[in-house]
Amino acid sequence: MLRFQGIHLYSDPLTKTLDLHRVADEIRAIFSNYNTIISIDVRPPFLQYTLDPAYLAVIAESIASIKISELKQPINGNQAETRRFKRPSTDSIAYEKDLITNANKNQGFQQTDSILYDGFMMQRLLGTFIPRSENSVDDVHIIFDSRLTCTFSEDDWRYHGRAIICGTPSIISTTGIVEAPAKPRGFYIRHMQLDAFSSHERGEEGRENDLKKEFAGRYIDYEDPRVGSIATGLVLQALFFFLTDGNPFCDDKDCRLFNAHWQEDLIHCQIENPTFCEKHLGYFKLMKERG
């Protein structure tokens, strides 16, 4: 059974309702319930913590190069060679520079949810910045980031937004918490009704406000005070990736390791019923027995 020497949480200052110190306290408490003491610390944004400022332009260009321009074409697919030598636009590189710099200074730079990034390529890129002294299975690096990470599915041949990419490092997308799980089915039906029958004078903003009122509490929105509870569950999933040899998710909707594809399921397993199934409780019991 793997014992963590250090769990490192990297903050996302762009998400104002996310208190990672509180998340860290909750993770410690969960493990301590089973007589397991873990070391967990909260750090500045990952690139602020690890990046030499002299390489800002290089990393900005590297991140810009893994933006997804075609939903139905994987970046590492047949066009990989063409893409590899196509330099991102100057504006795209400048955007990433601003995102890194302003986020590091906590200036409230607004990341747009319309920009998608290949999650596995992002993971490989950020993994190269992990300090050598902490680049082992004993240290778990969990990066909170506002970029919307995606993975390509061959089931429907398209990219899908993800709230979490598990591994080294694990990436938790604060935008993905909002955008990746689908909202209630009725939300989309009502949206189409409002688009079809509402007065154009109301405008898109007015219709969105009506929808938010009608479906209040049934999905996680930006600056939602419940995002901390969601974050705790995702950190647990990142840790169980290592505890279970790469299989962190549960099929039981009453387990907080459930891989929720709907916002209502996410709220249920992380906020309404934040517990573990018997199978995954067994891992804690095993750690307790082994001391």
Protein backbone atom coordinates (compact mmCIF):
# COMPACT_ATOMS: atom_id res chain seq x y z
CA MET A 1 0.00 0.00 0.00
CA LEU A 2 1.48 3.31 -1.11
CA ARG A 3 2.25 5.81 1.65
CA PHE A 4 2.44 9.44 0.57
CA GLN A 5 5.51 11.31 1.77
CA GLY A 6 4.14 14.59 0.50
CA ILE A 7 0.95 15.83 -1.14
CA HIS A 8 1.34 19.22 -2.78
CA LEU A 9 -1.65 21.36 -3.77
CA TYR A 10 -0.99 24.24 -6.16
CA SER A 11 -3.48 27.08 -5.94
CA ASP A 12 -5.62 28.73 -8.60
CA PRO A 13 -6.03 32.35 -7.48
CA LEU A 14 -8.55 33.00 -10.24
CA THR A 15 -11.16 30.94 -8.38
CA LYS A 16 -12.05 33.20 -5.46
CA THR A 17 -14.32 30.73 -3.66
CA LEU A 18 -11.67 27.98 -3.52
CA ASP A 19 -9.77 27.81 -0.22
CA LEU A 20 -7.15 25.10 -0.64
CA HIS A 21 -6.07 25.38 2.99
CA ARG A 22 -9.54 24.24 3.96
CA VAL A 23 -9.39 21.47 1.36
CA ALA A 24 -6.06 20.34 2.82
CA ASP A 25 -7.56 20.29 6.32
CA GLU A 26 -10.46 18.14 5.11
CA ILE A 27 -8.10 15.66 3.41
CA ARG A 28 -5.99 15.38 6.57
CA ALA A 29 -9.13 14.79 8.64
CA ILE A 30 -10.38 12.03 6.32
CA PHE A 31 -7.10 10.13 6.52
CA SER A 32 -6.71 10.74 10.26
CA ASN A 33 -10.08 9.03 10.82
CA TYR A 34 -8.24 5.85 9.89
CA ASN A 35 -5.13 6.60 11.93
CA THR A 36 -3.19 7.62 8.84
CA ILE A 37 -1.14 10.81 9.05
CA ILE A 38 -0.32 12.47 5.74
CA SER A 39 1.82 15.47 4.87
CA ILE A 40 -0.04 17.96 2.70
CA ASP A 41 0.90 21.51 1.86
CA VAL A 42 -0.60 24.35 -0.17
CA ARG A 43 1.67 26.14 -2.62
CA PRO A 44 1.44 29.13 -4.98
CA PRO A 45 0.30 28.56 -8.59
CA PHE A 46 2.36 25.77 -10.13
CA LEU A 47 4.17 27.84 -12.73
CA GLN A 48 4.95 30.56 -10.19
CA TYR A 49 6.42 27.92 -7.90
CA THR A 50 8.48 26.09 -10.51
CA LEU A 51 9.09 28.35 -13.51
CA ASP A 52 12.22 30.41 -14.00
CA PRO A 53 10.92 33.81 -15.27
CA ALA A 54 13.53 33.67 -18.02
CA TYR A 55 11.53 30.86 -19.63
CA LEU A 56 8.13 32.60 -19.51
CA ALA A 57 7.97 33.08 -23.28
CA VAL A 58 8.93 29.46 -23.93
CA ILE A 59 6.32 27.97 -21.59
CA ALA A 60 3.65 30.38 -22.86
CA GLU A 61 4.31 29.24 -26.43
CA SER A 62 4.31 25.59 -25.35
CA ILE A 63 0.93 25.94 -23.63
CA ALA A 64 -0.50 27.87 -26.57
CA SER A 65 0.57 25.04 -28.88
CA ILE A 66 -1.69 22.52 -27.11
CA LYS A 67 -4.87 24.52 -27.49
CA ILE A 68 -7.56 22.55 -29.28
CA SER A 69 -8.69 24.10 -32.55
CA GLU A 70 -10.67 21.13 -33.90
CA LEU A 71 -12.96 19.20 -31.54
CA LYS A 72 -12.94 16.13 -33.78
CA GLN A 73 -9.23 15.96 -34.48
CA PRO A 74 -6.79 14.85 -31.76
CA ILE A 75 -3.69 17.01 -31.54
CA ASN A 76 -1.50 13.92 -31.34
CA GLY A 77 -3.28 12.26 -34.25
CA ASN A 78 -2.43 12.11 -37.95
CA GLN A 79 -1.78 15.83 -38.15
CA ALA A 80 0.70 15.83 -35.27
CA GLU A 81 3.72 16.47 -37.47
CA THR A 82 2.03 19.42 -39.16
CA ARG A 83 0.90 20.93 -35.87
CA ARG A 84 4.25 20.43 -34.21
CA PHE A 85 5.97 22.87 -36.52
CA LYS A 86 3.16 25.39 -36.68
CA ARG A 87 3.95 28.18 -34.25
CA PRO A 88 1.00 29.56 -32.27
CA SER A 89 -0.11 33.08 -33.08
CA THR A 90 1.49 36.04 -31.33
CA ASP A 91 -1.85 36.87 -29.70
CA SER A 92 -2.23 33.34 -28.39
CA ILE A 93 1.24 33.38 -26.85
CA ALA A 94 0.62 36.82 -25.35
CA TYR A 95 -2.63 35.56 -23.83
CA GLU A 96 -0.82 32.70 -22.08
CA LYS A 97 1.88 35.07 -20.84
CA ASP A 98 -0.79 37.33 -19.36
CA LEU A 99 -2.62 34.38 -17.81
CA ILE A 100 0.55 33.13 -16.12
CA THR A 101 1.77 36.54 -15.02
CA ASN A 102 -1.52 37.96 -13.79
CA ALA A 103 -2.55 34.74 -12.09
CA ASN A 104 0.77 34.64 -10.31
CA LYS A 105 0.22 38.19 -9.09
CA ASN A 106 -3.39 37.37 -8.15
CA GLN A 107 -4.65 40.24 -10.28
CA GLY A 108 -7.87 38.50 -11.22
CA PHE A 109 -7.12 37.84 -14.89
CA GLN A 110 -10.22 36.19 -16.35
CA GLN A 111 -9.67 32.87 -18.11
CA THR A 112 -12.24 32.19 -20.81
CA ASP A 113 -14.06 28.85 -20.83
CA SER A 114 -14.14 28.84 -24.63
CA ILE A 115 -10.46 27.90 -24.89
CA LEU A 116 -9.81 24.17 -24.70
CA TYR A 117 -6.51 22.42 -23.98
CA ASP A 118 -5.40 18.83 -24.53
CA GLY A 119 -5.23 17.56 -20.95
CA PHE A 120 -2.67 14.79 -21.41
CA MET A 121 -0.32 17.03 -23.35
CA MET A 122 -0.71 19.67 -20.64
CA GLN A 123 0.10 17.02 -18.04
CA ARG A 124 3.26 15.95 -19.85
CA LEU A 125 4.35 19.56 -20.27
CA LEU A 126 3.82 20.56 -16.64
CA GLY A 127 5.41 17.32 -15.48
CA THR A 128 8.75 18.52 -16.85
CA PHE A 129 8.72 21.34 -14.28
CA ILE A 130 8.37 19.17 -11.19
CA PRO A 131 11.51 19.59 -9.05
CA ARG A 132 13.80 16.59 -9.37
CA SER A 133 13.86 16.11 -5.60
CA GLU A 134 10.06 15.63 -5.63
CA ASN A 135 9.67 13.74 -8.88
CA SER A 136 8.84 10.32 -7.45
CA VAL A 137 5.80 8.20 -6.54
CA ASP A 138 6.21 9.37 -2.94
CA ASP A 139 5.22 12.94 -3.83
CA VAL A 140 1.82 13.72 -5.31
CA HIS A 141 1.47 17.01 -7.18
CA ILE A 142 -2.09 18.28 -7.70
CA ILE A 143 -2.41 21.44 -9.78
CA PHE A 144 -5.56 23.56 -9.68
CA ASP A 145 -5.78 25.55 -12.90
CA SER A 146 -8.44 27.63 -14.62
CA ARG A 147 -7.70 26.27 -18.10
CA LEU A 148 -10.33 23.87 -19.42
CA THR A 149 -8.53 20.56 -19.95
CA CYS A 150 -10.00 17.98 -22.31
CA THR A 151 -9.33 14.43 -23.43
CA PHE A 152 -10.08 12.86 -26.79
CA SER A 153 -12.55 9.97 -26.89
CA GLU A 154 -12.49 7.46 -29.71
CA ASP A 155 -16.05 6.42 -28.78
CA ASP A 156 -17.52 9.50 -30.45
CA TRP A 157 -14.30 10.85 -31.96
CA ARG A 158 -14.23 14.20 -30.20
CA TYR A 159 -12.76 16.06 -27.25
CA HIS A 160 -14.61 16.27 -23.94
CA GLY A 161 -13.98 18.66 -21.06
CA ARG A 162 -12.61 17.07 -17.88
CA ALA A 163 -12.61 18.30 -14.31
CA ILE A 164 -9.59 16.14 -13.49
CA ILE A 165 -6.64 14.55 -15.25
CA CYS A 166 -5.08 12.04 -12.85
CA GLY A 167 -1.39 11.21 -12.80
CA THR A 168 1.90 13.05 -12.39
CA PRO A 169 0.98 15.78 -12.02
CA SER A 170 -2.76 15.61 -11.52
CA ILE A 171 -4.58 18.61 -12.98
CA ILE A 172 -7.89 19.78 -11.58
CA SER A 173 -9.58 22.28 -13.87
CA THR A 174 -11.68 24.77 -11.93
CA THR A 175 -13.37 25.67 -15.20
CA GLY A 176 -13.90 21.96 -15.84
CA ILE A 177 -15.79 21.61 -12.55
CA VAL A 178 -18.37 23.98 -14.04
CA GLU A 179 -18.25 23.07 -17.71
CA ALA A 180 -17.39 19.36 -17.93
CA PRO A 181 -20.34 17.64 -16.16
CA ALA A 182 -23.60 18.27 -17.98
CA LYS A 183 -26.27 20.42 -16.39
CA PRO A 184 -29.72 18.91 -15.65
CA ARG A 185 -31.49 17.72 -18.81
CA GLY A 186 -34.34 20.14 -18.19
CA PHE A 187 -31.85 23.02 -18.30
CA TYR A 188 -31.12 22.43 -21.99
CA ILE A 189 -34.79 21.97 -22.87
CA ARG A 190 -35.70 25.19 -21.08
CA HIS A 191 -32.78 26.95 -22.76
CA MET A 192 -34.13 26.01 -26.20
CA GLN A 193 -37.62 27.15 -25.19
CA LEU A 194 -36.37 30.51 -24.04
CA ASP A 195 -34.30 30.92 -27.19
CA ALA A 196 -37.34 30.12 -29.33
CA PHE A 197 -40.06 32.06 -27.53
CA SER A 198 -38.45 34.75 -25.40
CA SER A 199 -38.48 38.32 -26.56
CA HIS A 200 -35.28 39.42 -28.21
CA GLU A 201 -35.37 42.45 -25.91
CA ARG A 202 -34.49 40.22 -22.98
CA GLY A 203 -31.18 39.39 -24.57
CA GLU A 204 -28.92 36.43 -23.90
CA GLU A 205 -27.86 37.71 -20.48
CA GLY A 206 -31.45 38.04 -19.34
CA ARG A 207 -32.30 34.51 -20.48
CA GLU A 208 -29.23 33.13 -18.71
CA ASN A 209 -30.28 34.86 -15.49
CA ASP A 210 -33.76 33.34 -15.78
CA LEU A 211 -32.23 29.88 -16.22
CA LYS A 212 -29.95 30.33 -13.22
CA LYS A 213 -32.91 31.26 -11.03
CA GLU A 214 -35.02 28.36 -12.29
CA PHE A 215 -32.27 25.76 -11.79
CA ALA A 216 -30.58 27.34 -8.77
CA GLY A 217 -28.64 24.85 -6.68
CA ARG A 218 -28.81 22.05 -9.25
CA TYR A 219 -25.43 22.72 -10.82
CA ILE A 220 -22.09 24.27 -9.89
CA ASP A 221 -21.57 27.76 -11.30
CA TYR A 222 -18.57 30.08 -11.36
CA GLU A 223 -17.66 31.47 -7.92
CA ASP A 224 -19.97 28.89 -6.37
CA PRO A 225 -19.31 28.54 -2.60
CA ARG A 226 -19.69 24.76 -2.96
CA VAL A 227 -16.62 24.44 -5.16
CA GLY A 228 -14.41 23.66 -2.14
CA SER A 229 -16.36 20.49 -1.37
CA ILE A 230 -16.09 19.44 -5.01
CA ALA A 231 -12.36 20.15 -4.91
CA THR A 232 -11.91 17.91 -1.88
CA GLY A 233 -13.54 15.01 -3.70
CA LEU A 234 -11.37 15.54 -6.77
CA VAL A 235 -8.21 15.60 -4.65
CA LEU A 236 -9.31 12.26 -3.20
CA GLN A 237 -9.73 10.91 -6.72
CA ALA A 238 -6.21 12.09 -7.58
CA LEU A 239 -4.85 10.28 -4.50
CA PHE A 240 -6.78 7.10 -5.21
CA PHE A 241 -5.23 7.05 -8.68
CA PHE A 242 -2.04 6.03 -6.87
CA LEU A 243 -3.68 3.93 -4.18
CA THR A 244 -5.48 1.82 -6.80
CA ASP A 245 -2.71 1.61 -9.42
CA GLY A 246 -4.45 3.91 -11.86
CA ASN A 247 -8.16 3.15 -11.28
CA PRO A 248 -9.42 6.01 -9.10
CA PHE A 249 -13.08 6.10 -10.10
CA CYS A 250 -16.05 4.24 -8.67
CA ASP A 251 -19.26 3.08 -10.36
CA ASP A 252 -21.30 3.67 -7.19
CA LYS A 253 -23.11 7.03 -7.35
CA ASP A 254 -23.09 7.12 -3.53
CA CYS A 255 -19.28 7.06 -3.40
CA ARG A 256 -17.36 10.30 -3.66
CA LEU A 257 -14.96 8.59 -6.07
CA PHE A 258 -17.82 8.34 -8.57
CA ASN A 259 -16.83 9.81 -11.94
CA ALA A 260 -19.82 12.13 -12.37
CA HIS A 261 -20.79 13.16 -15.89
CA TRP A 262 -23.84 15.12 -14.70
CA GLN A 263 -23.79 18.10 -12.36
CA GLU A 264 -26.57 16.64 -10.21
CA ASP A 265 -24.55 13.44 -9.71
CA LEU A 266 -21.49 15.54 -8.85
CA ILE A 267 -23.43 17.48 -6.23
CA HIS A 268 -24.90 14.28 -4.81
CA CYS A 269 -21.65 12.37 -4.32
CA GLN A 270 -19.52 15.32 -3.20
CA ILE A 271 -21.91 17.52 -1.23
CA GLU A 272 -25.14 15.72 -0.34
CA ASN A 273 -23.54 12.34 0.38
CA PRO A 274 -19.74 12.74 0.69
CA THR A 275 -18.98 9.16 1.75
CA PHE A 276 -17.10 6.13 0.45
CA CYS A 277 -18.47 2.81 -0.69
CA GLU A 278 -17.43 -0.33 1.18
CA LYS A 279 -14.88 -1.24 -1.48
CA HIS A 280 -12.98 2.02 -1.17
CA LEU A 281 -13.34 2.19 2.60
CA GLY A 282 -11.29 -0.99 2.50
CA TYR A 283 -8.25 0.94 1.31
CA PHE A 284 -8.37 3.15 4.40
CA LYS A 285 -8.80 0.11 6.64
CA LEU A 286 -5.81 -1.54 4.97
CA MET A 287 -3.67 1.55 5.58
CA LYS A 288 -4.78 1.53 9.21
CA GLU A 289 -3.84 -2.13 9.64
CA ARG A 290 -0.41 -1.57 8.12
CA GLY A 291 0.17 1.43 10.35
